[in-house]
Amino acid sequence: MSKYLLGYDVGSSSVKATILHIETGIPEASATSPKVEMKIMSPLPGYAEQRPELWWEHIVNATKDLKAISRFSESDIAAIGISYQMHGLVLVDKNHKVLRPSIIWCDSRAVGLGEKAFNEIGRKKCLSHMLNSPGNFTASKLKWVKDNEPDIYDRIYKFMLPGDYIAMKLTGEIQTTVSGLSEGILWDFKIESLSDIVMNSFGFDASMVPDVVPTFSNQGSLSSIAAKQLGLKEGIPISYRAGDQPNNALSLNVLKKGEIAATAGTSGVIYGISDLAKYDLQSRVNTFVHVNHTAENPKYGVLLCVNGTGIQNSWLKHNVTDMDYQEMNNEAENVPIGSEGLLTFPFGNGAERILGNLEPGGSVMGLDFNRHSRSHLLRSAQEGIVFALKYGFEIMENMGMEIDVVRAGEANMFLSPIFREAFVNTNQVVLEICNTDGSQGAARGAGIGGNIYSGFSEAFIGLKINKKYEPDQNPSKEYNEVYINWLNELKKQIV
């Protein structure tokens, strides 16, 4: 009898694989590849690309490392689930060969095309049907290829999201999900179908759209070719796929109206659940189909994203210090709240949705050569990320979202005591840190989709709240004062 579920989390920094014990819901082992962040190619300003083949290479490496650590047998895996970086574009020909590097989530080249379509469709019509502007999402990126690389466009058999590509490599089949189509701004929420409005506006042929399968379902089985490469048994079902943020919410058991999930990896995201089709009039935060959405019981994920979160901390690590992240946190703790007037703006990783797709760039303001040190910069960087998230929180609250308790995994920026303190006090929220991550969420999703678990409640056995943080009155006041200064400076930048 199979003992484990296998979850893959394919990010822009790395691939993580976890095998989860079915009965206990506790990870048996995890492995990450590569050991340093994957490179994002930027051939021109605002461009961000990765080779999909590289993701697969690291899927293979992580799986081999996992087997070496845990020594599970091929028959021990009952099902496989996939979490993936959202909004990317992967193009393949009829032979399933990749036609160009993937244009990934933080690429800004299609902003103008998305805005043009938003105006031509009509803002009110676009928002009422798709709940979002085409913005800088997958559909707009495909339009960029159509306009700028016609030879490649003419060879396209199917376009996919990154998770669809990984599923294709595992099964040999090309499919997508409703949740995936919604994150590409290709889903019409009013008619619960592929958006003819967007497809016609961009001049896309529907034949390029993959077949649609449910998020939780048998989406094919592990092919003999993939099984040989991974060292796994042929025929294992792939029974779940979801974008990293809906999946992060799943991993934290954030499935009901009013529940909030957060993550702070390369980007920082707050993801709240609504049972109403809400949208921001300026499309600064975005609404997608959540993993447990059905027409009878709708569930939507309202997502705010700050692109420059962990990537800003990583930039400091590699360009300003020779320390690891723990040492950086320790040094930053030597500086008081507010970093003695030093303000950091983490907007150096592509077009920022919460700023209306502007690209002001990352910046530091108020630097005093006689007063500030590297320690000030390290603390200010973490505070600046929190302030950017606070700016997004306020947009969500104006949409009617109530934010009191936020759940996050014990990973990335949430490992930092300074970040956690600033987060709860600036936003006046309770923060619950859980013993999970995206790869575990993908494994649990596979158990649900493969009918290994009887339902959602059984799938979360083993999920626990490890730590709980609540705001303090005095730090809250101090952070609020610094945030107001930060916000006033931001408004000068984006006028």
Protein backbone atom coordinates (compact mmCIF):
# COMPACT_ATOMS: atom_id res chain seq x y z
CA MET A 1 0.00 0.00 0.00
CA SER A 2 1.33 3.46 -0.93
CA LYS A 3 2.51 5.53 2.00
CA TYR A 4 3.28 8.97 0.61
CA LEU A 5 2.16 11.91 -1.51
CA LEU A 6 4.72 13.80 -3.58
CA GLY A 7 4.49 17.58 -3.96
CA TYR A 8 6.54 19.82 -6.24
CA ASP A 9 6.76 23.59 -5.76
CA VAL A 10 8.29 25.18 -8.86
CA GLY A 11 9.31 28.75 -8.10
CA SER A 12 11.45 31.29 -9.89
CA SER A 13 14.22 30.82 -7.30
CA SER A 14 14.21 27.05 -6.85
CA VAL A 15 12.24 23.82 -7.01
CA LYS A 16 11.27 22.10 -3.77
CA ALA A 17 10.04 18.52 -3.55
CA THR A 18 8.43 16.95 -0.48
CA ILE A 19 7.06 13.51 0.29
CA LEU A 20 4.24 13.68 2.82
CA HIS A 21 3.12 10.75 4.93
CA ILE A 22 -0.53 10.09 4.04
CA GLU A 23 -1.71 8.96 7.47
CA THR A 24 0.07 11.52 9.65
CA GLY A 25 0.23 14.48 7.26
CA ILE A 26 3.86 14.98 8.32
CA PRO A 27 6.68 15.40 5.77
CA GLU A 28 8.98 12.41 5.49
CA ALA A 29 11.65 14.38 3.61
CA SER A 30 12.20 17.46 1.43
CA ALA A 31 14.83 18.48 -1.10
CA THR A 32 15.54 21.71 -2.96
CA SER A 33 17.32 22.31 -6.25
CA PRO A 34 19.40 24.30 -7.03
CA LYS A 35 21.16 25.16 -3.79
CA VAL A 36 21.43 28.81 -4.88
CA GLU A 37 18.71 30.89 -6.56
CA MET A 38 17.96 30.11 -10.22
CA LYS A 39 18.99 32.88 -12.55
CA ILE A 40 16.38 35.15 -14.09
CA MET A 41 17.50 36.33 -17.53
CA SER A 42 16.90 39.98 -18.34
CA PRO A 43 18.07 40.65 -21.92
CA LEU A 44 16.48 44.13 -21.83
CA PRO A 45 15.26 46.40 -19.03
CA GLY A 46 11.93 45.14 -17.69
CA TYR A 47 12.37 41.67 -19.20
CA ALA A 48 12.40 38.52 -17.04
CA GLU A 49 12.76 35.07 -18.57
CA GLN A 50 13.66 31.54 -17.56
CA ARG A 51 14.14 28.39 -19.58
CA PRO A 52 11.34 25.90 -18.78
CA GLU A 53 13.81 23.08 -19.40
CA LEU A 54 15.72 24.37 -16.37
CA TRP A 55 12.67 23.89 -14.14
CA TRP A 56 12.42 20.29 -15.29
CA GLU A 57 16.13 19.74 -14.72
CA HIS A 58 15.70 20.84 -11.12
CA ILE A 59 12.55 18.72 -10.70
CA VAL A 60 14.71 15.74 -11.66
CA ASN A 61 17.57 16.80 -9.37
CA ALA A 62 15.28 17.47 -6.39
CA THR A 63 13.57 14.10 -6.85
CA LYS A 64 16.89 12.26 -6.94
CA ASP A 65 18.04 14.11 -3.81
CA LEU A 66 14.74 13.23 -2.14
CA LYS A 67 15.24 9.55 -2.90
CA ALA A 68 18.77 9.66 -1.56
CA ILE A 69 17.59 11.22 1.70
CA SER A 70 14.53 9.08 2.36
CA ARG A 71 15.18 5.89 0.38
CA PHE A 72 11.47 5.35 -0.34
CA SER A 73 10.55 2.68 -2.86
CA GLU A 74 8.91 3.37 -6.23
CA SER A 75 5.60 1.89 -5.06
CA ASP A 76 5.39 4.22 -2.04
CA ILE A 77 4.08 7.27 -3.94
CA ALA A 78 0.29 7.38 -4.33
CA ALA A 79 -0.11 10.68 -6.20
CA ILE A 80 1.76 13.81 -7.33
CA GLY A 81 0.75 17.46 -6.99
CA ILE A 82 2.21 20.60 -8.58
CA SER A 83 2.53 24.18 -7.35
CA TYR A 84 4.04 26.69 -9.75
CA GLN A 85 5.04 30.32 -10.25
CA MET A 86 1.98 32.13 -11.58
CA HIS A 87 1.34 34.23 -14.71
CA GLY A 88 4.22 32.90 -16.81
CA LEU A 89 3.98 32.03 -20.50
CA VAL A 90 5.33 28.78 -21.96
CA LEU A 91 4.99 28.06 -25.70
CA VAL A 92 5.40 24.66 -27.36
CA ASP A 93 5.07 23.29 -30.87
CA LYS A 94 3.28 20.10 -31.98
CA ASN A 95 6.22 18.02 -30.79
CA HIS A 96 5.96 19.57 -27.33
CA LYS A 97 9.25 21.40 -27.91
CA VAL A 98 9.64 24.74 -26.14
CA LEU A 99 9.76 27.58 -28.67
CA ARG A 100 11.35 30.32 -26.54
CA PRO A 101 12.27 31.02 -22.92
CA SER A 102 9.29 31.51 -20.62
CA ILE A 103 8.23 35.11 -20.06
CA ILE A 104 7.75 34.89 -16.29
CA TRP A 105 5.56 36.65 -13.75
CA CYS A 106 7.75 39.71 -13.07
CA ASP A 107 8.39 40.54 -16.75
CA SER A 108 7.04 44.02 -17.64
CA ARG A 109 7.19 44.11 -21.44
CA ALA A 110 3.46 43.58 -22.00
CA VAL A 111 2.17 46.30 -19.67
CA GLY A 112 1.30 48.66 -22.53
CA LEU A 113 -0.49 45.96 -24.49
CA GLY A 114 -2.59 45.02 -21.47
CA GLU A 115 -3.52 48.64 -20.84
CA LYS A 116 -4.45 49.12 -24.50
CA ALA A 117 -6.75 46.09 -24.39
CA PHE A 118 -8.25 47.30 -21.10
CA ASN A 119 -9.27 50.56 -22.76
CA GLU A 120 -10.43 48.98 -26.03
CA ILE A 121 -12.58 46.36 -24.30
CA GLY A 122 -13.85 49.01 -21.93
CA ARG A 123 -12.73 49.17 -18.32
CA LYS A 124 -16.18 48.54 -16.85
CA LYS A 125 -16.86 45.58 -19.14
CA CYS A 126 -13.41 44.11 -18.56
CA LEU A 127 -13.64 44.33 -14.77
CA SER A 128 -17.21 43.06 -14.57
CA HIS A 129 -16.38 39.99 -16.69
CA MET A 130 -12.71 39.19 -15.91
CA LEU A 131 -12.44 41.03 -12.54
CA ASN A 132 -9.04 42.31 -13.70
CA SER A 133 -7.30 44.33 -16.33
CA PRO A 134 -5.33 42.20 -18.84
CA GLY A 135 -2.42 44.12 -17.33
CA ASN A 136 0.85 42.28 -17.39
CA PHE A 137 -0.59 38.78 -17.23
CA THR A 138 -0.23 35.70 -19.44
CA ALA A 139 -2.66 36.76 -22.19
CA SER A 140 -0.87 40.09 -22.66
CA LYS A 141 2.50 38.31 -22.82
CA LEU A 142 1.15 36.06 -25.56
CA LYS A 143 0.00 39.15 -27.44
CA TRP A 144 3.54 40.53 -27.16
CA VAL A 145 4.88 37.38 -28.83
CA LYS A 146 2.21 37.67 -31.52
CA ASP A 147 3.24 41.25 -32.30
CA ASN A 148 7.01 40.97 -31.89
CA GLU A 149 7.94 37.37 -32.72
CA PRO A 150 5.50 36.33 -35.47
CA ASP A 151 7.68 33.43 -36.65
CA ILE A 152 7.50 31.90 -33.19
CA TYR A 153 3.81 32.70 -32.80
CA ASP A 154 2.99 30.90 -36.05
CA ARG A 155 4.61 27.73 -34.72
CA ILE A 156 2.65 27.65 -31.45
CA TYR A 157 0.64 24.51 -30.86
CA LYS A 158 -0.36 25.34 -27.27
CA PHE A 159 0.42 28.07 -24.77
CA MET A 160 0.71 27.10 -21.13
CA LEU A 161 1.39 28.30 -17.64
CA PRO A 162 4.56 27.01 -15.94
CA GLY A 163 2.61 24.36 -13.99
CA ASP A 164 0.98 23.14 -17.19
CA TYR A 165 4.44 22.66 -18.66
CA ILE A 166 5.60 20.60 -15.67
CA ALA A 167 2.44 18.48 -15.91
CA MET A 168 3.16 17.99 -19.62
CA LYS A 169 6.68 16.78 -18.80
CA LEU A 170 5.27 14.37 -16.22
CA THR A 171 2.40 12.96 -18.29
CA GLY A 172 2.93 13.89 -21.94
CA GLU A 173 -0.49 15.61 -21.91
CA ILE A 174 -1.17 19.35 -22.32
CA GLN A 175 -3.91 20.64 -20.02
CA THR A 176 -4.74 23.61 -17.83
CA THR A 177 -7.28 24.54 -15.15
CA VAL A 178 -9.99 27.15 -14.64
CA SER A 179 -7.87 28.68 -11.89
CA GLY A 180 -4.97 28.84 -14.34
CA LEU A 181 -7.04 30.50 -17.05
CA SER A 182 -8.22 33.08 -14.52
CA GLU A 183 -4.64 33.97 -13.54
CA GLY A 184 -3.85 34.54 -17.22
CA ILE A 185 -6.93 36.84 -17.48
CA LEU A 186 -8.55 34.39 -19.87
CA TRP A 187 -11.59 33.47 -17.77
CA ASP A 188 -14.99 35.14 -17.93
CA PHE A 189 -16.46 34.98 -14.41
CA LYS A 190 -19.95 35.97 -15.57
CA ILE A 191 -20.42 33.02 -17.89
CA GLU A 192 -17.94 30.63 -16.19
CA SER A 193 -16.09 30.00 -19.43
CA LEU A 194 -13.05 30.91 -21.51
CA SER A 195 -13.14 34.64 -22.18
CA ASP A 196 -14.12 35.27 -25.79
CA ILE A 197 -13.80 38.97 -24.94
CA VAL A 198 -10.06 38.75 -24.29
CA MET A 199 -9.42 36.08 -26.93
CA ASN A 200 -11.06 38.21 -29.62
CA SER A 201 -9.45 41.43 -28.44
CA PHE A 202 -5.98 39.91 -28.80
CA GLY A 203 -6.84 37.88 -31.92
CA PHE A 204 -6.03 34.48 -30.41
CA ASP A 205 -7.21 31.18 -31.87
CA ALA A 206 -8.98 29.02 -29.29
CA SER A 207 -7.14 25.96 -30.64
CA MET A 208 -4.03 27.17 -28.77
CA VAL A 209 -5.79 26.86 -25.40
CA PRO A 210 -5.09 23.56 -23.59
CA ASP A 211 -7.93 21.28 -22.55
CA VAL A 212 -9.31 22.23 -19.14
CA VAL A 213 -9.27 19.81 -16.19
CA PRO A 214 -10.44 20.34 -12.59
CA THR A 215 -7.81 21.54 -10.11
CA PHE A 216 -8.40 18.40 -8.04
CA SER A 217 -8.68 15.48 -10.47
CA ASN A 218 -6.79 12.77 -12.27
CA GLN A 219 -4.84 14.88 -14.76
CA GLY A 220 -2.86 12.06 -16.31
CA SER A 221 -0.31 9.57 -15.08
CA LEU A 222 3.46 9.53 -14.92
CA SER A 223 4.80 8.51 -18.33
CA SER A 224 7.48 5.90 -18.81
CA ILE A 225 9.90 8.58 -20.03
CA ALA A 226 9.36 10.83 -17.01
CA ALA A 227 9.38 7.88 -14.61
CA LYS A 228 12.78 6.82 -15.87
CA GLN A 229 14.20 10.33 -15.52
CA LEU A 230 12.82 10.77 -12.01
CA GLY A 231 13.47 7.28 -10.75
CA LEU A 232 9.78 6.81 -9.94
CA LYS A 233 7.18 4.22 -10.87
CA GLU A 234 5.31 4.67 -14.15
CA GLY A 235 1.59 5.33 -13.82
CA ILE A 236 1.51 7.46 -10.66
CA PRO A 237 -1.47 9.86 -11.05
CA ILE A 238 -0.91 13.61 -11.21
CA SER A 239 -4.00 14.79 -9.34
CA TYR A 240 -3.52 18.48 -8.49
CA ARG A 241 -2.00 21.65 -9.89
CA ALA A 242 -2.32 25.27 -8.79
CA GLY A 243 -0.45 28.55 -8.92
CA ASP A 244 1.87 29.22 -6.01
CA GLN A 245 -0.39 31.68 -4.21
CA PRO A 246 -3.66 29.70 -4.36
CA ASN A 247 -1.56 26.69 -3.39
CA ASN A 248 0.06 28.57 -0.50
CA ALA A 249 -3.46 29.31 0.74
CA LEU A 250 -4.36 25.63 0.41
CA SER A 251 -1.23 24.61 2.30
CA LEU A 252 -2.37 26.86 5.19
CA ASN A 253 -5.99 25.60 5.08
CA VAL A 254 -7.14 29.02 3.89
CA LEU A 255 -10.28 28.05 2.02
CA LYS A 256 -13.16 30.00 3.59
CA LYS A 257 -14.50 33.52 3.27
CA GLY A 258 -12.41 36.00 5.28
CA GLU A 259 -9.37 33.75 5.71
CA ILE A 260 -6.01 35.28 4.73
CA ALA A 261 -2.73 33.69 3.60
CA ALA A 262 0.63 35.37 3.18
CA THR A 263 3.97 34.53 1.68
CA ALA A 264 7.19 36.48 1.35
CA GLY A 265 9.53 34.65 -0.99
CA THR A 266 10.89 36.33 -4.11
CA SER A 267 7.71 38.40 -4.08
CA GLY A 268 5.43 39.23 -1.17
CA VAL A 269 1.78 38.26 -1.41
CA ILE A 270 -1.35 38.65 0.69
CA TYR A 271 -4.15 36.37 -0.53
CA GLY A 272 -7.65 36.63 0.91
CA ILE A 273 -10.72 34.47 0.27
CA SER A 274 -14.07 35.94 -0.75
CA ASP A 275 -17.33 34.35 -1.82
CA LEU A 276 -18.16 37.44 -3.87
CA ALA A 277 -16.63 38.45 -7.20
CA LYS A 278 -14.84 41.58 -5.94
CA TYR A 279 -12.48 43.75 -7.96
CA ASP A 280 -10.42 46.90 -7.52
CA LEU A 281 -11.48 49.64 -9.95
CA GLN A 282 -7.81 50.29 -10.75
CA SER A 283 -6.89 46.58 -10.87
CA ARG A 284 -4.09 47.15 -8.35
CA VAL A 285 -4.99 43.94 -6.56
CA ASN A 286 -6.38 41.02 -8.51
CA THR A 287 -9.10 38.40 -8.19
CA PHE A 288 -8.68 34.82 -9.39
CA VAL A 289 -10.54 31.53 -9.11
CA HIS A 290 -9.51 29.84 -5.86
CA VAL A 291 -8.67 26.14 -5.79
CA ASN A 292 -11.97 25.10 -4.14
CA HIS A 293 -14.19 27.26 -6.35
CA THR A 294 -17.32 25.77 -7.86
CA ALA A 295 -20.20 27.45 -9.68
CA GLU A 296 -22.53 26.38 -6.84
CA ASN A 297 -20.14 27.45 -4.04
CA PRO A 298 -17.91 30.18 -5.47
CA LYS A 299 -14.58 31.00 -3.86
CA TYR A 300 -12.30 33.74 -5.13
CA GLY A 301 -8.74 34.60 -4.18
CA VAL A 302 -8.07 38.34 -3.88
CA LEU A 303 -4.34 38.79 -4.34
CA LEU A 304 -2.04 41.70 -3.65
CA CYS A 305 1.55 41.33 -4.77
CA VAL A 306 4.75 43.24 -4.12
CA ASN A 307 7.36 41.99 -6.56
CA GLY A 308 10.45 43.05 -4.62
CA THR A 309 10.40 41.12 -1.35
CA GLY A 310 12.86 38.25 -0.90
CA ILE A 311 14.61 39.29 -4.10
CA GLN A 312 15.47 42.64 -2.48
CA ASN A 313 16.87 40.86 0.58
CA SER A 314 18.79 38.52 -1.73
CA TRP A 315 20.21 41.50 -3.64
CA LEU A 316 21.49 42.99 -0.38
CA LYS A 317 22.97 39.65 0.63
CA HIS A 318 24.93 39.29 -2.59
CA ASN A 319 25.86 42.91 -3.25
CA VAL A 320 26.14 44.64 0.12
CA THR A 321 27.11 41.97 2.66
CA ASP A 322 29.10 38.77 2.97
CA MET A 323 26.66 37.36 5.54
CA ASP A 324 23.91 34.77 5.55
CA TYR A 325 20.30 35.79 6.18
CA GLN A 326 20.41 35.03 9.92
CA GLU A 327 23.48 37.23 10.32
CA MET A 328 21.76 39.98 8.34
CA ASN A 329 18.75 39.79 10.67
CA ASN A 330 21.00 39.91 13.73
CA GLU A 331 22.80 43.00 12.46
CA ALA A 332 19.54 44.75 11.57
CA GLU A 333 18.31 44.28 15.14
CA ASN A 334 20.96 46.78 16.31
CA VAL A 335 18.92 49.59 14.72
CA PRO A 336 15.72 51.09 16.22
CA ILE A 337 12.27 51.02 14.60
CA GLY A 338 12.22 53.41 11.64
CA SER A 339 15.92 52.94 10.85
CA GLU A 340 16.55 56.49 12.04
CA GLY A 341 14.84 58.07 9.07
CA LEU A 342 16.16 55.79 6.32
CA LEU A 343 13.33 54.73 3.98
CA THR A 344 13.52 51.90 1.44
CA PHE A 345 11.14 51.31 -1.48
CA PRO A 346 11.27 47.69 -2.75
CA PHE A 347 10.04 48.32 -6.29
CA GLY A 348 12.99 47.09 -8.34
CA ASN A 349 11.59 43.85 -9.76
CA GLY A 350 9.36 44.79 -12.68
CA ALA A 351 6.02 46.51 -13.00
CA GLU A 352 4.23 46.76 -9.65
CA ARG A 353 0.52 46.00 -9.80
CA ILE A 354 -0.26 47.87 -6.57
CA LEU A 355 1.23 50.98 -8.22
CA GLY A 356 -0.83 50.64 -11.39
CA ASN A 357 1.98 48.76 -13.20
CA LEU A 358 4.43 51.62 -12.75
CA GLU A 359 8.13 50.83 -12.46
CA PRO A 360 9.64 53.41 -10.10
CA GLY A 361 12.57 51.12 -9.34
CA GLY A 362 14.01 50.23 -5.98
CA SER A 363 15.27 53.21 -4.02
CA VAL A 364 16.56 54.45 -0.68
CA MET A 365 15.66 57.88 0.66
CA GLY A 366 17.06 59.95 3.53
CA LEU A 367 20.51 58.38 3.51
CA ASP A 368 22.85 60.29 5.85
CA PHE A 369 26.51 59.35 5.38
CA ASN A 370 27.35 60.52 8.90
CA ARG A 371 24.50 58.69 10.60
CA HIS A 372 23.50 55.57 8.72
CA SER A 373 25.35 52.28 8.45
CA ARG A 374 24.83 48.96 6.70
CA SER A 375 22.71 47.91 9.69
CA HIS A 376 20.28 50.74 8.97
CA LEU A 377 20.00 49.65 5.35
CA LEU A 378 19.30 46.04 6.31
CA ARG A 379 16.52 47.01 8.71
CA SER A 380 15.05 49.67 6.43
CA ALA A 381 14.85 47.12 3.61
CA GLN A 382 12.67 44.80 5.71
CA GLU A 383 10.51 47.65 6.95
CA GLY A 384 10.07 48.92 3.38
CA ILE A 385 8.72 45.55 2.27
CA VAL A 386 6.19 45.58 5.11
CA PHE A 387 5.14 49.14 4.26
CA ALA A 388 4.58 48.16 0.63
CA LEU A 389 2.37 45.29 1.80
CA LYS A 390 0.53 47.69 4.11
CA TYR A 391 -0.18 49.92 1.11
CA GLY A 392 -1.74 46.89 -0.59
CA PHE A 393 -3.67 45.92 2.56
CA GLU A 394 -5.39 49.31 2.45
CA ILE A 395 -6.52 48.70 -1.13
CA MET A 396 -7.97 45.32 -0.11
CA GLU A 397 -9.77 46.86 2.85
CA ASN A 398 -11.31 49.46 0.54
CA MET A 399 -12.70 46.54 -1.48
CA GLY A 400 -14.48 45.31 1.64
CA MET A 401 -11.98 42.63 2.70
CA GLU A 402 -11.67 42.19 6.47
CA ILE A 403 -8.15 41.40 7.61
CA ASP A 404 -7.64 40.32 11.24
CA VAL A 405 -5.68 37.06 11.22
CA VAL A 406 -3.03 36.15 8.65
CA ARG A 407 -1.48 32.69 8.25
CA ALA A 408 1.96 32.07 6.78
CA GLY A 409 4.46 29.27 6.52
CA GLU A 410 7.68 29.39 8.52
CA ALA A 411 9.84 30.33 5.56
CA ASN A 412 11.57 33.15 3.68
CA MET A 413 11.03 36.64 5.13
CA PHE A 414 8.75 35.30 7.87
CA LEU A 415 11.84 33.66 9.40
CA SER A 416 13.04 37.16 10.32
CA PRO A 417 12.00 38.47 13.78
CA ILE A 418 12.23 42.07 12.49
CA PHE A 419 9.98 41.31 9.53
CA ARG A 420 7.41 39.55 11.72
CA GLU A 421 7.39 42.38 14.28
CA ALA A 422 7.02 45.04 11.61
CA PHE A 423 4.33 43.03 9.82
CA VAL A 424 2.00 42.53 12.81
CA ASN A 425 2.47 46.03 14.22
CA THR A 426 2.22 47.99 10.99
CA ASN A 427 -0.82 46.07 9.77
CA GLN A 428 -2.43 45.52 13.19
CA VAL A 429 -3.02 41.83 12.50
CA VAL A 430 -2.48 38.56 14.30
CA LEU A 431 0.08 36.38 12.51
CA GLU A 432 -0.11 32.59 12.73
CA ILE A 433 3.00 30.73 11.57
CA CYS A 434 2.24 27.18 10.42
CA ASN A 435 4.42 24.13 9.86
CA THR A 436 3.97 23.98 6.11
CA ASP A 437 5.16 25.23 2.74
CA GLY A 438 4.17 25.14 -0.93
CA SER A 439 5.51 21.67 -1.64
CA GLN A 440 3.54 20.25 1.28
CA GLY A 441 0.45 22.04 -0.01
CA ALA A 442 0.96 20.45 -3.43
CA ALA A 443 1.24 17.04 -1.78
CA ARG A 444 -1.98 17.57 0.22
CA GLY A 445 -3.69 18.76 -2.96
CA ALA A 446 -2.64 15.54 -4.69
CA GLY A 447 -4.24 13.58 -1.85
CA ILE A 448 -7.51 15.47 -2.28
CA GLY A 449 -7.51 15.23 -6.08
CA GLY A 450 -6.64 11.55 -6.01
CA ASN A 451 -9.46 10.76 -3.55
CA ILE A 452 -6.87 9.47 -1.12
CA TYR A 453 -8.33 11.82 1.46
CA SER A 454 -12.08 11.83 1.99
CA GLY A 455 -12.15 15.63 1.86
CA PHE A 456 -10.40 18.84 2.81
CA SER A 457 -10.61 18.35 6.58
CA GLU A 458 -8.85 14.99 6.47
CA ALA A 459 -6.13 16.42 4.23
CA PHE A 460 -4.98 18.85 6.94
CA ILE A 461 -4.09 16.29 9.55
CA GLY A 462 -0.59 17.22 10.69
CA LEU A 463 -0.99 20.95 9.97
CA LYS A 464 -0.27 22.95 13.12
CA ILE A 465 0.15 26.56 14.19
CA ASN A 466 3.71 26.68 15.52
CA LYS A 467 3.77 30.32 16.65
CA LYS A 468 1.37 33.19 17.05
CA TYR A 469 2.30 36.88 17.05
CA GLU A 470 0.09 39.77 18.10
CA PRO A 471 0.67 43.53 17.76
CA ASP A 472 1.98 45.57 20.70
CA GLN A 473 0.62 49.03 21.40
CA ASN A 474 3.85 51.05 21.56
CA PRO A 475 5.65 49.45 18.57
CA SER A 476 2.40 49.72 16.61
CA LYS A 477 2.35 53.48 17.14
CA GLU A 478 6.01 53.83 16.15
CA TYR A 479 5.58 51.77 12.99
CA ASN A 480 2.48 53.73 12.02
CA GLU A 481 4.39 57.02 12.24
CA VAL A 482 7.21 55.66 10.07
CA TYR A 483 4.69 54.20 7.59
CA ILE A 484 3.03 57.61 7.16
CA ASN A 485 6.43 59.13 6.30
CA TRP A 486 7.12 56.27 3.90
CA LEU A 487 3.70 56.67 2.27
CA ASN A 488 4.15 60.43 1.79
CA GLU A 489 7.47 59.82 0.03
CA LEU A 490 5.94 57.08 -2.14
CA LYS A 491 3.18 59.41 -3.29
CA LYS A 492 5.81 61.84 -4.54
CA GLN A 493 7.34 59.05 -6.64
CA ILE A 494 4.13 57.85 -8.29
CA VAL A 495 2.36 61.15 -9.01
